[in-house]
Amino acid sequence: MSFVKILADLNLEVASLKHRRKILKTLLDEGKVSQRAFGILDGMAAEIESAVINLKEKIEGSIKFWEAMASEETRILESLLVDLRFKSLVGDLDEENWRILSTIIGLGIGSTSALANKIAKSIENDVNLKANILSRKRRGKANSNLSRRNRELGEREGKFSKSIPEPESRDGSYCMNQWKPG
């Protein structure tokens, strides 16, 4: 699981906890929950919310740290490559060693650049993931409203579609007029 997905899940959890606390406050205002129960439940929700926010901040800090480290490593390797090239041109380093070292350092630069790009893409994906989650939430609310509406319509339809019991005639014949059997 990537940091991006974890951050998105944590953002959803924080939003959920805020919503739950709001509902709990409404229940307290309506007198459906005692002050003592409200205090306990709200305290637990607040603790969890602060822990989730702290974790989220730590993960974001970790991402920024590794992004900075990758950038710094690339800069150091590039400086080393320039220094070795200079030594090669001056004659302090023979051509064969220069090729070997430049290939190794080039691979290191490529690796750290790939890491930096991966981190940048994950941050970009985080923005896209947040947008997708919000749109899914909106669609989910719309779908739940539609399904609730469809259920209500089905119930109404069921009430009206129940057949009226057919009266039985005395002689066993069937008459279309239910008010005039027989």
N, C-alpha and C. Protein backbone atom coordinates (compact mmCIF):
# COMPACT_ATOMS: atom_id res chain seq x y z
N MET A 1 0.86 -1.18 0.00
CA MET A 1 0.00 0.00 0.00
C MET A 1 0.90 1.23 0.00
N SER A 2 0.61 2.18 -0.85
CA SER A 2 1.45 3.36 -0.98
C SER A 2 1.07 4.42 0.05
N PHE A 3 2.00 5.35 0.24
CA PHE A 3 1.73 6.45 1.17
C PHE A 3 0.53 7.26 0.70
N VAL A 4 0.36 7.36 -0.61
CA VAL A 4 -0.75 8.13 -1.16
C VAL A 4 -2.08 7.54 -0.72
N LYS A 5 -2.21 6.24 -0.83
CA LYS A 5 -3.44 5.55 -0.44
C LYS A 5 -3.66 5.69 1.06
N ILE A 6 -2.60 5.55 1.82
CA ILE A 6 -2.70 5.69 3.28
C ILE A 6 -3.17 7.09 3.64
N LEU A 7 -2.59 8.11 3.00
CA LEU A 7 -3.00 9.48 3.28
C LEU A 7 -4.45 9.72 2.91
N ALA A 8 -4.88 9.16 1.79
CA ALA A 8 -6.28 9.31 1.38
C ALA A 8 -7.21 8.65 2.40
N ASP A 9 -6.84 7.47 2.87
CA ASP A 9 -7.65 6.79 3.88
C ASP A 9 -7.69 7.58 5.19
N LEU A 10 -6.55 8.16 5.56
CA LEU A 10 -6.51 8.96 6.78
C LEU A 10 -7.38 10.21 6.64
N ASN A 11 -7.35 10.83 5.47
CA ASN A 11 -8.20 12.01 5.24
C ASN A 11 -9.68 11.64 5.37
N LEU A 12 -10.04 10.49 4.82
CA LEU A 12 -11.43 10.02 4.94
C LEU A 12 -11.79 9.76 6.40
N GLU A 13 -10.87 9.17 7.12
CA GLU A 13 -11.13 8.86 8.53
C GLU A 13 -11.31 10.14 9.35
N VAL A 14 -10.49 11.15 9.09
CA VAL A 14 -10.64 12.43 9.80
C VAL A 14 -12.00 13.05 9.50
N ALA A 15 -12.39 13.03 8.23
CA ALA A 15 -13.70 13.59 7.85
C ALA A 15 -14.83 12.80 8.52
N SER A 16 -14.69 11.49 8.57
CA SER A 16 -15.70 10.65 9.20
C SER A 16 -15.81 10.95 10.70
N LEU A 17 -14.67 11.09 11.35
CA LEU A 17 -14.68 11.38 12.79
C LEU A 17 -15.31 12.74 13.08
N LYS A 18 -15.02 13.73 12.25
CA LYS A 18 -15.62 15.05 12.44
C LYS A 18 -17.13 14.96 12.27
N HIS A 19 -17.56 14.19 11.30
CA HIS A 19 -19.00 14.02 11.07
C HIS A 19 -19.66 13.30 12.24
N ARG A 20 -19.00 12.28 12.76
CA ARG A 20 -19.54 11.54 13.91
C ARG A 20 -19.65 12.43 15.15
N ARG A 21 -18.63 13.27 15.35
CA ARG A 21 -18.67 14.16 16.50
C ARG A 21 -19.80 15.18 16.36
N LYS A 22 -20.03 15.62 15.13
CA LYS A 22 -21.11 16.56 14.87
C LYS A 22 -22.47 15.90 15.17
N ILE A 23 -22.62 14.67 14.74
CA ILE A 23 -23.85 13.93 15.01
C ILE A 23 -24.03 13.71 16.51
N LEU A 24 -22.94 13.38 17.19
CA LEU A 24 -22.99 13.18 18.64
C LEU A 24 -23.42 14.46 19.35
N LYS A 25 -22.92 15.59 18.89
CA LYS A 25 -23.30 16.88 19.47
C LYS A 25 -24.79 17.14 19.24
N THR A 26 -25.29 16.80 18.05
CA THR A 26 -26.71 16.95 17.76
C THR A 26 -27.55 16.07 18.68
N LEU A 27 -27.10 14.84 18.91
CA LEU A 27 -27.82 13.93 19.81
C LEU A 27 -27.85 14.48 21.23
N LEU A 28 -26.75 15.09 21.65
CA LEU A 28 -26.70 15.70 22.98
C LEU A 28 -27.68 16.87 23.05
N ASP A 29 -27.69 17.70 22.03
CA ASP A 29 -28.60 18.85 22.01
C ASP A 29 -30.06 18.42 22.03
N GLU A 30 -30.37 17.28 21.40
CA GLU A 30 -31.74 16.78 21.37
C GLU A 30 -32.10 16.00 22.62
N GLY A 31 -31.14 15.79 23.51
CA GLY A 31 -31.40 15.09 24.76
C GLY A 31 -31.43 13.58 24.62
N LYS A 32 -30.92 13.05 23.53
CA LYS A 32 -30.94 11.60 23.32
C LYS A 32 -29.71 10.92 23.91
N VAL A 33 -28.71 11.72 24.31
CA VAL A 33 -27.48 11.19 24.90
C VAL A 33 -27.20 12.01 26.15
N SER A 34 -26.78 11.34 27.21
CA SER A 34 -26.47 12.06 28.44
C SER A 34 -25.15 12.81 28.29
N GLN A 35 -24.97 13.79 29.16
CA GLN A 35 -23.75 14.60 29.13
C GLN A 35 -22.52 13.72 29.40
N ARG A 36 -22.67 12.78 30.30
CA ARG A 36 -21.56 11.88 30.65
C ARG A 36 -21.17 11.02 29.44
N ALA A 37 -22.17 10.42 28.79
CA ALA A 37 -21.90 9.59 27.61
C ALA A 37 -21.30 10.43 26.50
N PHE A 38 -21.82 11.64 26.34
CA PHE A 38 -21.28 12.54 25.32
C PHE A 38 -19.81 12.83 25.59
N GLY A 39 -19.49 13.11 26.84
CA GLY A 39 -18.11 13.42 27.20
C GLY A 39 -17.16 12.27 26.90
N ILE A 40 -17.59 11.07 27.24
CA ILE A 40 -16.75 9.89 27.00
C ILE A 40 -16.56 9.65 25.51
N LEU A 41 -17.68 9.62 24.77
CA LEU A 41 -17.61 9.33 23.33
C LEU A 41 -16.89 10.44 22.56
N ASP A 42 -17.15 11.69 22.93
CA ASP A 42 -16.49 12.79 22.25
C ASP A 42 -14.99 12.80 22.55
N GLY A 43 -14.63 12.47 23.78
CA GLY A 43 -13.21 12.40 24.14
C GLY A 43 -12.49 11.31 23.36
N MET A 44 -13.15 10.16 23.23
CA MET A 44 -12.54 9.06 22.45
C MET A 44 -12.38 9.47 20.98
N ALA A 45 -13.41 10.08 20.42
CA ALA A 45 -13.34 10.50 19.02
C ALA A 45 -12.27 11.57 18.83
N ALA A 46 -12.15 12.48 19.78
CA ALA A 46 -11.14 13.53 19.69
C ALA A 46 -9.73 12.94 19.77
N GLU A 47 -9.55 11.96 20.64
CA GLU A 47 -8.24 11.28 20.75
C GLU A 47 -7.86 10.60 19.44
N ILE A 48 -8.81 9.87 18.90
CA ILE A 48 -8.55 9.16 17.65
C ILE A 48 -8.27 10.15 16.53
N GLU A 49 -9.05 11.22 16.48
CA GLU A 49 -8.86 12.24 15.45
C GLU A 49 -7.48 12.87 15.54
N SER A 50 -7.04 13.20 16.75
CA SER A 50 -5.72 13.82 16.90
C SER A 50 -4.61 12.82 16.55
N ALA A 51 -4.80 11.54 16.90
CA ALA A 51 -3.80 10.53 16.54
C ALA A 51 -3.71 10.36 15.02
N VAL A 52 -4.86 10.37 14.36
CA VAL A 52 -4.87 10.23 12.90
C VAL A 52 -4.21 11.45 12.25
N ILE A 53 -4.51 12.64 12.76
CA ILE A 53 -3.90 13.85 12.21
C ILE A 53 -2.39 13.82 12.42
N ASN A 54 -1.93 13.39 13.61
CA ASN A 54 -0.49 13.29 13.86
C ASN A 54 0.18 12.30 12.92
N LEU A 55 -0.46 11.14 12.71
CA LEU A 55 0.08 10.14 11.80
C LEU A 55 0.17 10.69 10.39
N LYS A 56 -0.87 11.38 9.98
CA LYS A 56 -0.90 11.98 8.65
C LYS A 56 0.24 12.98 8.48
N GLU A 57 0.46 13.80 9.49
CA GLU A 57 1.55 14.78 9.44
C GLU A 57 2.91 14.09 9.38
N LYS A 58 3.07 13.00 10.12
CA LYS A 58 4.33 12.24 10.10
C LYS A 58 4.58 11.65 8.72
N ILE A 59 3.56 11.10 8.12
CA ILE A 59 3.72 10.50 6.78
C ILE A 59 4.05 11.59 5.76
N GLU A 60 3.35 12.72 5.83
CA GLU A 60 3.65 13.82 4.92
C GLU A 60 5.08 14.32 5.12
N GLY A 61 5.51 14.41 6.38
CA GLY A 61 6.89 14.81 6.68
C GLY A 61 7.89 13.80 6.14
N SER A 62 7.56 12.53 6.25
CA SER A 62 8.43 11.47 5.73
C SER A 62 8.57 11.58 4.21
N ILE A 63 7.46 11.84 3.55
CA ILE A 63 7.49 11.99 2.09
C ILE A 63 8.38 13.17 1.71
N LYS A 64 8.22 14.30 2.40
CA LYS A 64 9.05 15.48 2.11
C LYS A 64 10.52 15.19 2.39
N PHE A 65 10.80 14.46 3.48
CA PHE A 65 12.18 14.12 3.82
C PHE A 65 12.83 13.30 2.72
N TRP A 66 12.12 12.24 2.26
CA TRP A 66 12.71 11.38 1.24
C TRP A 66 12.84 12.09 -0.10
N GLU A 67 11.94 13.02 -0.36
CA GLU A 67 12.06 13.81 -1.58
C GLU A 67 13.31 14.70 -1.51
N ALA A 68 13.53 15.31 -0.36
CA ALA A 68 14.71 16.15 -0.18
C ALA A 68 15.99 15.31 -0.22
N MET A 69 15.94 14.12 0.38
CA MET A 69 17.12 13.24 0.36
C MET A 69 17.47 12.81 -1.06
N ALA A 70 16.46 12.46 -1.84
CA ALA A 70 16.71 12.05 -3.22
C ALA A 70 17.31 13.19 -4.02
N SER A 71 16.83 14.39 -3.80
CA SER A 71 17.37 15.56 -4.50
C SER A 71 18.81 15.83 -4.08
N GLU A 72 19.06 15.72 -2.78
CA GLU A 72 20.43 15.94 -2.27
C GLU A 72 21.39 14.87 -2.78
N GLU A 73 20.96 13.62 -2.80
CA GLU A 73 21.82 12.53 -3.30
C GLU A 73 22.16 12.75 -4.77
N THR A 74 21.17 13.16 -5.55
CA THR A 74 21.42 13.43 -6.97
C THR A 74 22.43 14.54 -7.12
N ARG A 75 22.28 15.60 -6.33
CA ARG A 75 23.22 16.73 -6.40
C ARG A 75 24.64 16.29 -6.04
N ILE A 76 24.78 15.46 -5.01
CA ILE A 76 26.11 15.00 -4.58
C ILE A 76 26.74 14.12 -5.66
N LEU A 77 25.97 13.21 -6.22
CA LEU A 77 26.50 12.33 -7.26
C LEU A 77 26.90 13.12 -8.52
N GLU A 78 26.10 14.12 -8.86
CA GLU A 78 26.45 14.95 -10.01
C GLU A 78 27.74 15.72 -9.76
N SER A 79 27.90 16.22 -8.52
CA SER A 79 29.14 16.94 -8.17
C SER A 79 30.35 16.00 -8.24
N LEU A 80 30.16 14.78 -7.76
CA LEU A 80 31.23 13.78 -7.81
C LEU A 80 31.59 13.45 -9.26
N LEU A 81 30.59 13.33 -10.10
CA LEU A 81 30.82 13.04 -11.51
C LEU A 81 31.59 14.17 -12.18
N VAL A 82 31.23 15.40 -11.87
CA VAL A 82 31.96 16.55 -12.44
C VAL A 82 33.41 16.55 -11.94
N ASP A 83 33.59 16.27 -10.64
CA ASP A 83 34.94 16.25 -10.07
C ASP A 83 35.79 15.16 -10.72
N LEU A 84 35.21 13.97 -10.92
CA LEU A 84 35.96 12.88 -11.55
C LEU A 84 36.26 13.19 -13.02
N ARG A 85 35.33 13.85 -13.69
CA ARG A 85 35.59 14.22 -15.09
C ARG A 85 36.74 15.22 -15.17
N PHE A 86 36.74 16.16 -14.23
CA PHE A 86 37.82 17.13 -14.18
C PHE A 86 39.16 16.42 -13.97
N LYS A 87 39.20 15.46 -13.03
CA LYS A 87 40.43 14.70 -12.78
C LYS A 87 40.84 13.90 -14.01
N SER A 88 39.86 13.40 -14.73
CA SER A 88 40.15 12.65 -15.96
C SER A 88 40.77 13.57 -17.01
N LEU A 89 40.23 14.77 -17.14
CA LEU A 89 40.76 15.72 -18.13
C LEU A 89 42.14 16.23 -17.75
N VAL A 90 42.39 16.40 -16.46
CA VAL A 90 43.70 16.87 -16.00
C VAL A 90 44.73 15.76 -16.10
N GLY A 91 44.29 14.52 -16.04
CA GLY A 91 45.21 13.39 -16.15
C GLY A 91 45.43 12.64 -14.86
N ASP A 92 44.74 13.04 -13.79
CA ASP A 92 44.88 12.34 -12.52
C ASP A 92 44.14 10.99 -12.53
N LEU A 93 43.24 10.79 -13.49
CA LEU A 93 42.44 9.58 -13.57
C LEU A 93 42.52 9.06 -15.01
N ASP A 94 42.89 7.77 -15.14
CA ASP A 94 42.99 7.24 -16.50
C ASP A 94 41.61 7.03 -17.11
N GLU A 95 41.56 6.88 -18.43
CA GLU A 95 40.30 6.79 -19.18
C GLU A 95 39.45 5.59 -18.78
N GLU A 96 40.08 4.44 -18.55
CA GLU A 96 39.34 3.22 -18.18
C GLU A 96 38.63 3.39 -16.84
N ASN A 97 39.33 3.91 -15.86
CA ASN A 97 38.71 4.15 -14.55
C ASN A 97 37.60 5.20 -14.65
N TRP A 98 37.82 6.22 -15.47
CA TRP A 98 36.80 7.24 -15.67
C TRP A 98 35.51 6.63 -16.22
N ARG A 99 35.61 5.76 -17.22
CA ARG A 99 34.43 5.13 -17.80
C ARG A 99 33.69 4.27 -16.77
N ILE A 100 34.45 3.49 -16.02
CA ILE A 100 33.83 2.63 -15.01
C ILE A 100 33.11 3.46 -13.95
N LEU A 101 33.81 4.47 -13.39
CA LEU A 101 33.23 5.31 -12.34
C LEU A 101 32.04 6.14 -12.85
N SER A 102 32.17 6.66 -14.07
CA SER A 102 31.07 7.47 -14.60
C SER A 102 29.83 6.61 -14.85
N THR A 103 30.04 5.35 -15.28
CA THR A 103 28.90 4.45 -15.47
C THR A 103 28.22 4.16 -14.14
N ILE A 104 29.00 3.86 -13.12
CA ILE A 104 28.44 3.56 -11.80
C ILE A 104 27.71 4.78 -11.23
N ILE A 105 28.33 5.93 -11.31
CA ILE A 105 27.70 7.15 -10.79
C ILE A 105 26.47 7.51 -11.61
N GLY A 106 26.53 7.29 -12.92
CA GLY A 106 25.37 7.55 -13.77
C GLY A 106 24.18 6.68 -13.37
N LEU A 107 24.47 5.41 -13.04
CA LEU A 107 23.40 4.52 -12.57
C LEU A 107 22.82 5.03 -11.24
N GLY A 108 23.69 5.51 -10.38
CA GLY A 108 23.22 6.06 -9.10
C GLY A 108 22.36 7.30 -9.30
N ILE A 109 22.79 8.17 -10.22
CA ILE A 109 22.01 9.37 -10.52
C ILE A 109 20.65 8.98 -11.09
N GLY A 110 20.64 8.01 -11.98
CA GLY A 110 19.38 7.54 -12.57
C GLY A 110 18.45 6.97 -11.52
N SER A 111 19.02 6.22 -10.59
CA SER A 111 18.22 5.61 -9.54
C SER A 111 17.60 6.67 -8.62
N THR A 112 18.41 7.61 -8.19
CA THR A 112 17.88 8.65 -7.29
C THR A 112 16.91 9.58 -8.03
N SER A 113 17.17 9.83 -9.30
CA SER A 113 16.23 10.65 -10.08
C SER A 113 14.90 9.92 -10.25
N ALA A 114 14.98 8.60 -10.46
CA ALA A 114 13.75 7.81 -10.58
C ALA A 114 12.97 7.85 -9.27
N LEU A 115 13.66 7.79 -8.14
CA LEU A 115 13.00 7.87 -6.85
C LEU A 115 12.32 9.22 -6.67
N ALA A 116 13.04 10.29 -7.04
CA ALA A 116 12.46 11.64 -6.92
C ALA A 116 11.23 11.77 -7.82
N ASN A 117 11.30 11.21 -9.03
CA ASN A 117 10.15 11.25 -9.94
C ASN A 117 8.98 10.45 -9.39
N LYS A 118 9.29 9.29 -8.78
CA LYS A 118 8.25 8.45 -8.20
C LYS A 118 7.54 9.20 -7.07
N ILE A 119 8.30 9.89 -6.24
CA ILE A 119 7.72 10.66 -5.15
C ILE A 119 6.86 11.80 -5.70
N ALA A 120 7.36 12.48 -6.73
CA ALA A 120 6.59 13.57 -7.34
C ALA A 120 5.28 13.04 -7.94
N LYS A 121 5.37 11.87 -8.60
CA LYS A 121 4.16 11.29 -9.19
C LYS A 121 3.17 10.86 -8.10
N SER A 122 3.70 10.36 -6.98
CA SER A 122 2.80 9.94 -5.91
C SER A 122 2.07 11.14 -5.32
N ILE A 123 2.75 12.27 -5.25
CA ILE A 123 2.10 13.48 -4.76
C ILE A 123 1.04 13.94 -5.76
N GLU A 124 1.37 13.86 -7.05
CA GLU A 124 0.39 14.20 -8.09
C GLU A 124 -0.80 13.25 -8.05
N ASN A 125 -0.52 11.96 -7.85
CA ASN A 125 -1.60 10.98 -7.74
C ASN A 125 -2.45 11.22 -6.51
N ASP A 126 -1.82 11.73 -5.44
CA ASP A 126 -2.57 12.03 -4.23
C ASP A 126 -3.64 13.07 -4.52
N VAL A 127 -3.27 14.08 -5.29
CA VAL A 127 -4.24 15.11 -5.65
C VAL A 127 -5.36 14.50 -6.49
N ASN A 128 -5.00 13.65 -7.46
CA ASN A 128 -6.00 12.99 -8.30
C ASN A 128 -6.87 12.04 -7.49
N LEU A 129 -6.25 11.33 -6.55
CA LEU A 129 -6.99 10.39 -5.71
C LEU A 129 -8.01 11.12 -4.84
N LYS A 130 -7.60 12.26 -4.30
CA LYS A 130 -8.53 13.05 -3.49
C LYS A 130 -9.72 13.49 -4.33
N ALA A 131 -9.45 13.94 -5.56
CA ALA A 131 -10.54 14.36 -6.45
C ALA A 131 -11.45 13.18 -6.76
N ASN A 132 -10.86 11.99 -7.01
CA ASN A 132 -11.68 10.80 -7.30
C ASN A 132 -12.52 10.40 -6.10
N ILE A 133 -11.95 10.48 -4.92
CA ILE A 133 -12.69 10.11 -3.71
C ILE A 133 -13.87 11.04 -3.51
N LEU A 134 -13.64 12.34 -3.73
CA LEU A 134 -14.74 13.29 -3.58
C LEU A 134 -15.84 13.03 -4.60
N SER A 135 -15.45 12.73 -5.83
CA SER A 135 -16.48 12.46 -6.85
C SER A 135 -17.21 11.15 -6.54
N ARG A 136 -16.48 10.13 -6.03
CA ARG A 136 -17.14 8.88 -5.65
C ARG A 136 -18.10 9.10 -4.50
N LYS A 137 -17.72 9.97 -3.56
CA LYS A 137 -18.60 10.27 -2.44
C LYS A 137 -19.89 10.91 -2.95
N ARG A 138 -19.73 11.86 -3.88
CA ARG A 138 -20.91 12.53 -4.43
C ARG A 138 -21.79 11.53 -5.16
N ARG A 139 -21.14 10.65 -5.97
CA ARG A 139 -21.91 9.64 -6.70
C ARG A 139 -22.55 8.66 -5.74
N GLY A 140 -21.85 8.31 -4.67
CA GLY A 140 -22.40 7.38 -3.67
C GLY A 140 -23.62 7.97 -3.00
N LYS A 141 -23.56 9.27 -2.67
CA LYS A 141 -24.72 9.92 -2.06
C LYS A 141 -25.87 9.95 -3.04
N ALA A 142 -25.57 10.26 -4.30
CA ALA A 142 -26.63 10.30 -5.31
C ALA A 142 -27.22 8.91 -5.50
N ASN A 143 -26.37 7.88 -5.55
CA ASN A 143 -26.86 6.51 -5.71
C ASN A 143 -27.68 6.07 -4.51
N SER A 144 -27.24 6.44 -3.30
CA SER A 144 -28.00 6.04 -2.12
C SER A 144 -29.35 6.74 -2.10
N ASN A 145 -29.36 8.02 -2.53
CA ASN A 145 -30.64 8.73 -2.60
C ASN A 145 -31.55 8.08 -3.64
N LEU A 146 -30.97 7.69 -4.78
CA LEU A 146 -31.76 7.04 -5.81
C LEU A 146 -32.28 5.69 -5.33
N SER A 147 -31.42 4.92 -4.69
CA SER A 147 -31.87 3.60 -4.24
C SER A 147 -32.94 3.72 -3.16
N ARG A 148 -32.82 4.71 -2.28
CA ARG A 148 -33.84 4.92 -1.27
C ARG A 148 -35.15 5.32 -1.94
N ARG A 149 -35.04 6.18 -2.94
CA ARG A 149 -36.23 6.62 -3.66
C ARG A 149 -36.88 5.44 -4.39
N ASN A 150 -36.05 4.60 -5.02
CA ASN A 150 -36.58 3.43 -5.71
C ASN A 150 -37.27 2.47 -4.73
N ARG A 151 -36.71 2.30 -3.55
CA ARG A 151 -37.33 1.44 -2.54
C ARG A 151 -38.69 2.00 -2.14
N GLU A 152 -38.72 3.32 -1.90
CA GLU A 152 -39.99 3.94 -1.51
C GLU A 152 -41.04 3.78 -2.61
N LEU A 153 -40.61 3.99 -3.85
CA LEU A 153 -41.55 3.83 -4.96
C LEU A 153 -42.03 2.39 -5.07
N GLY A 154 -41.14 1.46 -4.86
CA GLY A 154 -41.50 0.05 -4.91
C GLY A 154 -42.50 -0.30 -3.82
N GLU A 155 -42.30 0.26 -2.63
CA GLU A 155 -43.23 0.00 -1.54
C GLU A 155 -44.60 0.57 -1.85
N ARG A 156 -44.62 1.79 -2.40
CA ARG A 156 -45.90 2.40 -2.77
C ARG A 156 -46.59 1.58 -3.85
N GLU A 157 -45.78 1.18 -4.83
CA GLU A 157 -46.33 0.38 -5.92
C GLU A 157 -46.90 -0.93 -5.38
N GLY A 158 -46.20 -1.51 -4.42
CA GLY A 158 -46.66 -2.76 -3.84
C GLY A 158 -47.98 -2.59 -3.12
N LYS A 159 -48.16 -1.45 -2.47
CA LYS A 159 -49.42 -1.20 -1.75
C LYS A 159 -50.58 -1.11 -2.74
N PHE A 160 -50.33 -0.42 -3.86
CA PHE A 160 -51.41 -0.20 -4.82
C PHE A 160 -51.64 -1.40 -5.73
N SER A 161 -50.63 -2.22 -5.90
CA SER A 161 -50.79 -3.33 -6.84
C SER A 161 -51.37 -4.58 -6.20
N LYS A 162 -51.56 -4.53 -4.90
CA LYS A 162 -52.17 -5.70 -4.24
C LYS A 162 -53.56 -5.88 -4.84
N SER A 163 -53.83 -7.08 -5.22
CA SER A 163 -55.11 -7.32 -5.89
C SER A 163 -56.25 -7.28 -4.89
N ILE A 164 -57.34 -6.77 -5.37
CA ILE A 164 -58.54 -6.72 -4.55
C ILE A 164 -59.14 -8.13 -4.58
N PRO A 165 -59.47 -8.65 -3.45
CA PRO A 165 -59.99 -10.02 -3.45
C PRO A 165 -61.26 -10.12 -4.30
N GLU A 166 -61.26 -11.11 -5.13
CA GLU A 166 -62.40 -11.31 -6.02
C GLU A 166 -63.53 -11.97 -5.25
N PRO A 167 -64.69 -11.43 -5.38
CA PRO A 167 -65.82 -12.04 -4.69
C PRO A 167 -66.23 -13.33 -5.40
N GLU A 168 -66.63 -14.24 -4.62
CA GLU A 168 -67.09 -15.50 -5.21
C GLU A 168 -68.61 -15.44 -5.39
N SER A 169 -69.04 -15.87 -6.52
CA SER A 169 -70.48 -15.85 -6.77
C SER A 169 -71.12 -17.10 -6.16
N ARG A 170 -72.41 -17.03 -5.95
CA ARG A 170 -73.12 -18.14 -5.32
C ARG A 170 -73.21 -19.34 -6.26
N ASP A 171 -73.30 -19.06 -7.53
CA ASP A 171 -73.48 -20.17 -8.47
C ASP A 171 -72.16 -20.61 -9.13
N GLY A 172 -70.99 -20.01 -8.75
CA GLY A 172 -69.71 -20.42 -9.29
C GLY A 172 -69.32 -19.70 -10.58
N SER A 173 -70.18 -18.80 -11.09
CA SER A 173 -69.83 -18.05 -12.30
C SER A 173 -68.99 -16.84 -11.92
N TYR A 174 -68.26 -16.36 -12.90
CA TYR A 174 -67.38 -15.22 -12.67
C TYR A 174 -68.02 -13.98 -13.22
N CYS A 175 -68.08 -12.93 -12.44
CA CYS A 175 -68.67 -11.67 -12.87
C CYS A 175 -67.61 -10.59 -12.78
N MET A 176 -67.49 -9.75 -13.81
CA MET A 176 -66.49 -8.68 -13.85
C MET A 176 -66.82 -7.58 -12.84
N ASN A 177 -68.06 -7.38 -12.55
CA ASN A 177 -68.45 -6.34 -11.63
C ASN A 177 -68.34 -6.87 -10.21
N GLN A 178 -67.34 -6.35 -9.50
CA GLN A 178 -67.11 -6.88 -8.17
C GLN A 178 -68.17 -6.43 -7.18
N TRP A 179 -68.93 -5.42 -7.51
CA TRP A 179 -69.96 -4.93 -6.59
C TRP A 179 -71.29 -5.68 -6.80
N LYS A 180 -71.35 -6.41 -7.87
CA LYS A 180 -72.57 -7.14 -8.14
C LYS A 180 -72.23 -8.59 -8.39
N PRO A 181 -71.87 -9.33 -7.36
CA PRO A 181 -71.48 -10.73 -7.57
C PRO A 181 -72.66 -11.57 -8.01
N GLY A 182 -72.33 -12.55 -8.80
CA GLY A 182 -73.33 -13.54 -9.17
C GLY A 182 -74.12 -13.12 -10.28
